[in-house]
């Protein structure tokens, strides 16, 4: 009966995968926010040899 009250351990591989996913999503949110703000000059300055096509 004591087995039900124990907290299952999460392996370190799952922790590393979750951390990598959170970092990736944060980076994508940052890039998306920069692109949506219209300030593409800073975004393209950080990415070498990138072209910006504005369609309005």
C-alpha atoms as a PDB file:
ATOM      1  CA  UNK A   1       0.000   0.000   0.000  1.00  0.00           C
ATOM      2  CA  UNK A   2       2.906   2.365   0.507  1.00  0.00           C
ATOM      3  CA  UNK A   3       3.837   2.089  -3.184  1.00  0.00           C
ATOM      4  CA  UNK A   4       0.894   4.281  -4.175  1.00  0.00           C
ATOM      5  CA  UNK A   5       2.136   7.258  -2.155  1.00  0.00           C
ATOM      6  CA  UNK A   6       5.611   7.318  -3.682  1.00  0.00           C
ATOM      7  CA  UNK A   7       6.365   9.982  -6.264  1.00  0.00           C
ATOM      8  CA  UNK A   8       7.550   8.457  -9.550  1.00  0.00           C
ATOM      9  CA  UNK A   9      11.035   9.647 -10.479  1.00  0.00           C
ATOM     10  CA  UNK A  10      11.525  11.391 -13.790  1.00  0.00           C
ATOM     11  CA  UNK A  11      14.690  10.432 -15.598  1.00  0.00           C
ATOM     12  CA  UNK A  12      17.335  13.022 -16.365  1.00  0.00           C
ATOM     13  CA  UNK A  13      16.775  12.455 -20.090  1.00  0.00           C
ATOM     14  CA  UNK A  14      13.206  13.718 -19.729  1.00  0.00           C
ATOM     15  CA  UNK A  15      14.450  16.715 -17.736  1.00  0.00           C
ATOM     16  CA  UNK A  16      17.008  17.578 -20.422  1.00  0.00           C
ATOM     17  CA  UNK A  17      14.410  17.170 -23.171  1.00  0.00           C
ATOM     18  CA  UNK A  18      11.936  19.380 -21.354  1.00  0.00           C
ATOM     19  CA  UNK A  19      14.565  22.053 -20.737  1.00  0.00           C
ATOM     20  CA  UNK A  20      15.595  22.011 -24.407  1.00  0.00           C
ATOM     21  CA  UNK A  21      11.948  22.321 -25.454  1.00  0.00           C
ATOM     22  CA  UNK A  22      11.366  25.294 -23.158  1.00  0.00           C
ATOM     23  CA  UNK A  23      14.506  27.054 -24.449  1.00  0.00           C
ATOM     24  CA  UNK A  24      13.495  26.386 -28.062  1.00  0.00           C
ATOM     25  CA  UNK A  25       9.975  27.711 -27.513  1.00  0.00           C
ATOM     26  CA  UNK A  26      11.303  30.819 -25.772  1.00  0.00           C
ATOM     27  CA  UNK A  27      13.643  31.500 -28.705  1.00  0.00           C
ATOM     28  CA  UNK A  28      10.812  31.030 -31.200  1.00  0.00           C
ATOM     29  CA  UNK A  29       8.602  33.389 -29.205  1.00  0.00           C
ATOM     30  CA  UNK A  30      11.390  35.990 -29.197  1.00  0.00           C
ATOM     31  CA  UNK A  31      11.929  35.736 -32.961  1.00  0.00           C
ATOM     32  CA  UNK A  32       8.184  35.820 -33.625  1.00  0.00           C
ATOM     33  CA  UNK A  33       7.819  38.885 -31.405  1.00  0.00           C
ATOM     34  CA  UNK A  34      10.657  40.667 -33.194  1.00  0.00           C
ATOM     35  CA  UNK A  35       9.124  39.848 -36.577  1.00  0.00           C
ATOM     36  CA  UNK A  36       5.630  40.965 -35.559  1.00  0.00           C
ATOM     37  CA  UNK A  37       6.871  44.233 -34.050  1.00  0.00           C
ATOM     38  CA  UNK A  38       8.046  45.357 -37.468  1.00  0.00           C
ATOM     39  CA  UNK A  39      11.564  46.025 -36.245  1.00  0.00           C
ATOM     40  CA  UNK A  40      13.217  43.759 -38.761  1.00  0.00           C
ATOM     41  CA  UNK A  41      16.481  45.710 -38.896  1.00  0.00           C
ATOM     42  CA  UNK A  42      17.614  44.304 -35.543  1.00  0.00           C
ATOM     43  CA  UNK A  43      16.458  40.828 -36.481  1.00  0.00           C
ATOM     44  CA  UNK A  44      18.345  40.786 -39.780  1.00  0.00           C
ATOM     45  CA  UNK A  45      21.437  42.292 -38.194  1.00  0.00           C
ATOM     46  CA  UNK A  46      21.611  39.254 -35.914  1.00  0.00           C
ATOM     47  CA  UNK A  47      21.166  36.779 -38.772  1.00  0.00           C
ATOM     48  CA  UNK A  48      23.911  37.136 -41.367  1.00  0.00           C
ATOM     49  CA  UNK A  49      23.039  37.040 -45.092  1.00  0.00           C
ATOM     50  CA  UNK A  50      19.296  37.214 -44.494  1.00  0.00           C
ATOM     51  CA  UNK A  51      16.894  39.068 -46.747  1.00  0.00           C
ATOM     52  CA  UNK A  52      13.688  40.738 -45.626  1.00  0.00           C
ATOM     53  CA  UNK A  53      10.761  40.859 -48.020  1.00  0.00           C
ATOM     54  CA  UNK A  54       8.089  43.295 -46.893  1.00  0.00           C
ATOM     55  CA  UNK A  55       4.647  42.755 -48.347  1.00  0.00           C
ATOM     56  CA  UNK A  56       2.101  45.382 -47.404  1.00  0.00           C
END
